[in-house]
Amino acid sequence: MRISDSCVSAEDIKRECDADSLFAYLQMGLGVMIVKNKEWIGYIDWHSVYLGDDLLITKVVIYGDEEESRRLTEKFRSKILIYSYRDNIT
């Protein structure tokens, strides 16, 4: 299996969710929030793996849309979230 098959970029998730950004303060226990027009439209549940630096996606939730949440969860479950400096994940 290729490493890239085990990962998903934040850009791909934002495109799938029609979102502007991802936002999280992991040290405070906040999950990864999905943001559109400066409002939270959903979140990503995750587990920290390896040395605590990688985020393994367990569930994607879009508020008010169970079907879309289920589709996104199936697509991204068990993938490592790869984010960049443009994402506000600290």
N, C-alpha and C. Protein backbone atom coordinates (compact mmCIF):
# COMPACT_ATOMS: atom_id res chain seq x y z
N MET A 1 0.84 -1.18 0.00
CA MET A 1 0.00 0.00 0.00
C MET A 1 0.89 1.24 0.00
N ARG A 2 0.55 2.19 -0.83
CA ARG A 2 1.29 3.44 -0.88
C ARG A 2 0.95 4.31 0.33
N ILE A 3 1.93 5.05 0.80
CA ILE A 3 1.70 5.94 1.93
C ILE A 3 0.60 6.94 1.60
N SER A 4 0.58 7.44 0.37
CA SER A 4 -0.43 8.43 -0.01
C SER A 4 -1.85 7.87 0.08
N ASP A 5 -2.01 6.56 -0.03
CA ASP A 5 -3.34 5.95 0.11
C ASP A 5 -3.82 5.98 1.55
N SER A 6 -2.91 6.17 2.50
CA SER A 6 -3.26 6.21 3.91
C SER A 6 -3.49 7.62 4.42
N CYS A 7 -3.36 8.61 3.54
CA CYS A 7 -3.43 10.01 3.95
C CYS A 7 -4.49 10.76 3.16
N VAL A 8 -4.93 11.88 3.72
CA VAL A 8 -5.81 12.81 3.01
C VAL A 8 -5.37 14.22 3.38
N SER A 9 -5.34 15.09 2.40
CA SER A 9 -4.92 16.46 2.68
C SER A 9 -6.11 17.28 3.16
N ALA A 10 -5.82 18.30 3.93
CA ALA A 10 -6.85 19.21 4.40
C ALA A 10 -7.54 19.88 3.21
N GLU A 11 -6.80 20.12 2.15
CA GLU A 11 -7.38 20.74 0.95
C GLU A 11 -8.46 19.85 0.35
N ASP A 12 -8.24 18.55 0.33
CA ASP A 12 -9.25 17.63 -0.20
C ASP A 12 -10.51 17.64 0.66
N ILE A 13 -10.33 17.66 1.96
CA ILE A 13 -11.48 17.69 2.86
C ILE A 13 -12.24 19.00 2.69
N LYS A 14 -11.53 20.11 2.62
CA LYS A 14 -12.21 21.40 2.43
C LYS A 14 -12.99 21.41 1.12
N ARG A 15 -12.43 20.87 0.08
CA ARG A 15 -13.11 20.83 -1.22
C ARG A 15 -14.37 19.95 -1.12
N GLU A 16 -14.26 18.80 -0.49
CA GLU A 16 -15.41 17.89 -0.36
C GLU A 16 -16.54 18.52 0.47
N CYS A 17 -16.17 19.33 1.47
CA CYS A 17 -17.16 19.94 2.37
C CYS A 17 -17.58 21.34 1.93
N ASP A 18 -17.00 21.83 0.84
CA ASP A 18 -17.23 23.20 0.38
C ASP A 18 -16.93 24.19 1.52
N ALA A 19 -15.82 23.95 2.21
CA ALA A 19 -15.43 24.76 3.37
C ALA A 19 -14.29 25.71 3.02
N ASP A 20 -14.11 26.72 3.86
CA ASP A 20 -13.04 27.69 3.67
C ASP A 20 -11.76 27.28 4.39
N SER A 21 -11.91 26.66 5.57
CA SER A 21 -10.71 26.34 6.35
C SER A 21 -11.02 25.26 7.39
N LEU A 22 -9.94 24.76 7.98
CA LEU A 22 -10.03 23.88 9.14
C LEU A 22 -9.39 24.62 10.30
N PHE A 23 -9.91 24.40 11.51
CA PHE A 23 -9.48 25.15 12.67
C PHE A 23 -9.46 24.23 13.88
N ALA A 24 -8.38 24.29 14.67
CA ALA A 24 -8.32 23.48 15.89
C ALA A 24 -7.27 24.01 16.84
N TYR A 25 -7.55 23.90 18.13
CA TYR A 25 -6.56 24.09 19.18
C TYR A 25 -6.45 22.76 19.90
N LEU A 26 -5.60 21.89 19.40
CA LEU A 26 -5.53 20.53 19.91
C LEU A 26 -5.08 20.49 21.36
N GLN A 27 -4.22 21.44 21.78
CA GLN A 27 -3.73 21.44 23.16
C GLN A 27 -4.86 21.69 24.15
N MET A 28 -5.91 22.39 23.71
CA MET A 28 -7.04 22.69 24.59
C MET A 28 -8.13 21.62 24.50
N GLY A 29 -7.90 20.60 23.68
CA GLY A 29 -8.86 19.52 23.57
C GLY A 29 -9.95 19.75 22.54
N LEU A 30 -9.87 20.87 21.80
CA LEU A 30 -10.86 21.10 20.76
C LEU A 30 -10.55 20.24 19.56
N GLY A 31 -11.57 19.70 18.95
CA GLY A 31 -11.38 18.91 17.75
C GLY A 31 -11.10 19.79 16.55
N VAL A 32 -11.00 19.16 15.40
CA VAL A 32 -10.76 19.89 14.16
C VAL A 32 -12.11 20.35 13.63
N MET A 33 -12.33 21.66 13.62
CA MET A 33 -13.59 22.23 13.16
C MET A 33 -13.51 22.54 11.67
N ILE A 34 -14.61 22.32 10.97
CA ILE A 34 -14.72 22.64 9.55
C ILE A 34 -15.46 23.98 9.47
N VAL A 35 -14.84 24.97 8.81
CA VAL A 35 -15.34 26.34 8.82
C VAL A 35 -15.70 26.81 7.42
N LYS A 36 -16.88 27.44 7.32
CA LYS A 36 -17.32 28.07 6.07
C LYS A 36 -17.96 29.41 6.42
N ASN A 37 -17.55 30.46 5.75
CA ASN A 37 -18.07 31.81 6.01
C ASN A 37 -17.98 32.17 7.50
N LYS A 38 -16.86 31.81 8.12
CA LYS A 38 -16.56 32.11 9.52
C LYS A 38 -17.51 31.44 10.51
N GLU A 39 -18.18 30.37 10.08
CA GLU A 39 -19.05 29.61 10.97
C GLU A 39 -18.66 28.14 10.93
N TRP A 40 -18.79 27.47 12.07
CA TRP A 40 -18.51 26.04 12.12
C TRP A 40 -19.64 25.30 11.43
N ILE A 41 -19.31 24.49 10.42
CA ILE A 41 -20.34 23.71 9.73
C ILE A 41 -20.23 22.23 10.09
N GLY A 42 -19.19 21.88 10.83
CA GLY A 42 -18.99 20.49 11.22
C GLY A 42 -17.65 20.30 11.90
N TYR A 43 -17.28 19.05 12.11
CA TYR A 43 -16.01 18.76 12.78
C TYR A 43 -15.49 17.40 12.35
N ILE A 44 -14.22 17.17 12.66
CA ILE A 44 -13.56 15.90 12.39
C ILE A 44 -13.14 15.29 13.72
N ASP A 45 -13.64 14.09 14.01
CA ASP A 45 -13.16 13.33 15.17
C ASP A 45 -11.89 12.61 14.76
N TRP A 46 -10.95 12.48 15.68
CA TRP A 46 -9.66 11.90 15.33
C TRP A 46 -9.04 11.24 16.55
N HIS A 47 -8.03 10.43 16.30
CA HIS A 47 -7.17 9.86 17.34
C HIS A 47 -5.74 10.25 17.00
N SER A 48 -4.96 10.52 18.02
CA SER A 48 -3.54 10.82 17.82
C SER A 48 -2.78 9.51 17.78
N VAL A 49 -1.92 9.37 16.79
CA VAL A 49 -1.17 8.12 16.63
C VAL A 49 0.31 8.38 16.49
N TYR A 50 1.06 7.32 16.50
CA TYR A 50 2.51 7.35 16.37
C TYR A 50 3.11 8.19 17.48
N LEU A 51 3.80 9.26 17.17
CA LEU A 51 4.45 10.07 18.20
C LEU A 51 3.58 11.23 18.65
N GLY A 52 2.30 11.15 18.39
CA GLY A 52 1.39 12.21 18.80
C GLY A 52 1.28 13.33 17.80
N ASP A 53 1.94 13.21 16.67
CA ASP A 53 1.90 14.27 15.66
C ASP A 53 0.86 14.03 14.58
N ASP A 54 0.47 12.79 14.36
CA ASP A 54 -0.45 12.47 13.28
C ASP A 54 -1.88 12.40 13.80
N LEU A 55 -2.81 12.87 12.98
CA LEU A 55 -4.22 12.81 13.32
C LEU A 55 -4.90 11.78 12.44
N LEU A 56 -5.37 10.71 13.04
CA LEU A 56 -6.06 9.65 12.32
C LEU A 56 -7.57 9.93 12.39
N ILE A 57 -8.19 10.13 11.24
CA ILE A 57 -9.61 10.49 11.19
C ILE A 57 -10.47 9.29 11.56
N THR A 58 -11.41 9.51 12.48
CA THR A 58 -12.35 8.45 12.85
C THR A 58 -13.77 8.77 12.37
N LYS A 59 -14.11 10.06 12.27
CA LYS A 59 -15.46 10.43 11.85
C LYS A 59 -15.46 11.87 11.35
N VAL A 60 -16.28 12.14 10.33
CA VAL A 60 -16.50 13.50 9.84
C VAL A 60 -17.98 13.81 10.03
N VAL A 61 -18.28 14.93 10.68
CA VAL A 61 -19.67 15.32 10.94
C VAL A 61 -19.94 16.67 10.31
N ILE A 62 -21.01 16.73 9.51
CA ILE A 62 -21.51 17.99 8.97
C ILE A 62 -22.84 18.23 9.67
N TYR A 63 -22.95 19.35 10.40
CA TYR A 63 -24.15 19.63 11.17
C TYR A 63 -25.39 19.63 10.28
N GLY A 64 -26.43 18.92 10.71
CA GLY A 64 -27.70 18.92 10.01
C GLY A 64 -27.75 18.09 8.73
N ASP A 65 -26.73 17.31 8.46
CA ASP A 65 -26.71 16.51 7.22
C ASP A 65 -26.12 15.13 7.50
N GLU A 66 -26.96 14.23 8.00
CA GLU A 66 -26.48 12.89 8.36
C GLU A 66 -25.95 12.12 7.17
N GLU A 67 -26.62 12.25 6.03
CA GLU A 67 -26.20 11.50 4.84
C GLU A 67 -24.80 11.94 4.38
N GLU A 68 -24.57 13.24 4.36
CA GLU A 68 -23.25 13.75 3.96
C GLU A 68 -22.19 13.36 4.99
N SER A 69 -22.54 13.39 6.26
CA SER A 69 -21.61 12.97 7.32
C SER A 69 -21.21 11.52 7.13
N ARG A 70 -22.17 10.68 6.84
CA ARG A 70 -21.90 9.26 6.62
C ARG A 70 -21.00 9.05 5.40
N ARG A 71 -21.30 9.77 4.30
CA ARG A 71 -20.50 9.65 3.08
C ARG A 71 -19.05 10.08 3.32
N LEU A 72 -18.87 11.22 3.99
CA LEU A 72 -17.51 11.72 4.26
C LEU A 72 -16.76 10.82 5.23
N THR A 73 -17.46 10.30 6.23
CA THR A 73 -16.83 9.38 7.18
C THR A 73 -16.33 8.13 6.46
N GLU A 74 -17.17 7.56 5.61
CA GLU A 74 -16.76 6.37 4.85
C GLU A 74 -15.56 6.67 3.96
N LYS A 75 -15.53 7.85 3.38
CA LYS A 75 -14.44 8.21 2.46
C LYS A 75 -13.12 8.45 3.18
N PHE A 76 -13.17 9.08 4.36
CA PHE A 76 -11.94 9.52 5.03
C PHE A 76 -11.57 8.74 6.29
N ARG A 77 -12.40 7.83 6.75
CA ARG A 77 -12.11 7.07 7.98
C ARG A 77 -10.78 6.34 7.86
N SER A 78 -10.02 6.39 8.93
CA SER A 78 -8.72 5.70 9.06
C SER A 78 -7.62 6.31 8.20
N LYS A 79 -7.82 7.51 7.72
CA LYS A 79 -6.77 8.19 6.96
C LYS A 79 -6.10 9.22 7.87
N ILE A 80 -4.83 9.47 7.61
CA ILE A 80 -4.08 10.46 8.36
C ILE A 80 -4.30 11.82 7.73
N LEU A 81 -4.70 12.80 8.53
CA LEU A 81 -4.95 14.16 8.04
C LEU A 81 -3.62 14.89 7.87
N ILE A 82 -3.37 15.34 6.66
CA ILE A 82 -2.17 16.12 6.35
C ILE A 82 -2.59 17.57 6.19
N TYR A 83 -2.08 18.43 7.05
CA TYR A 83 -2.45 19.85 6.98
C TYR A 83 -1.21 20.69 6.76
N SER A 84 -1.42 21.94 6.38
CA SER A 84 -0.30 22.83 6.07
C SER A 84 -0.37 24.07 6.95
N TYR A 85 0.56 24.97 6.74
CA TYR A 85 0.61 26.21 7.52
C TYR A 85 -0.65 27.05 7.32
N ARG A 86 -1.36 26.86 6.20
CA ARG A 86 -2.58 27.64 5.94
C ARG A 86 -3.72 27.23 6.85
N ASP A 87 -3.68 26.01 7.35
CA ASP A 87 -4.71 25.54 8.26
C ASP A 87 -4.31 25.95 9.67
N ASN A 88 -5.28 26.38 10.45
CA ASN A 88 -5.01 26.85 11.80
C ASN A 88 -5.17 25.68 12.78
N ILE A 89 -4.23 24.74 12.71
CA ILE A 89 -4.26 23.56 13.59
C ILE A 89 -3.01 23.59 14.45
N THR A 90 -3.19 23.87 15.73
CA THR A 90 -2.04 23.98 16.64
C THR A 90 -2.22 23.09 17.85
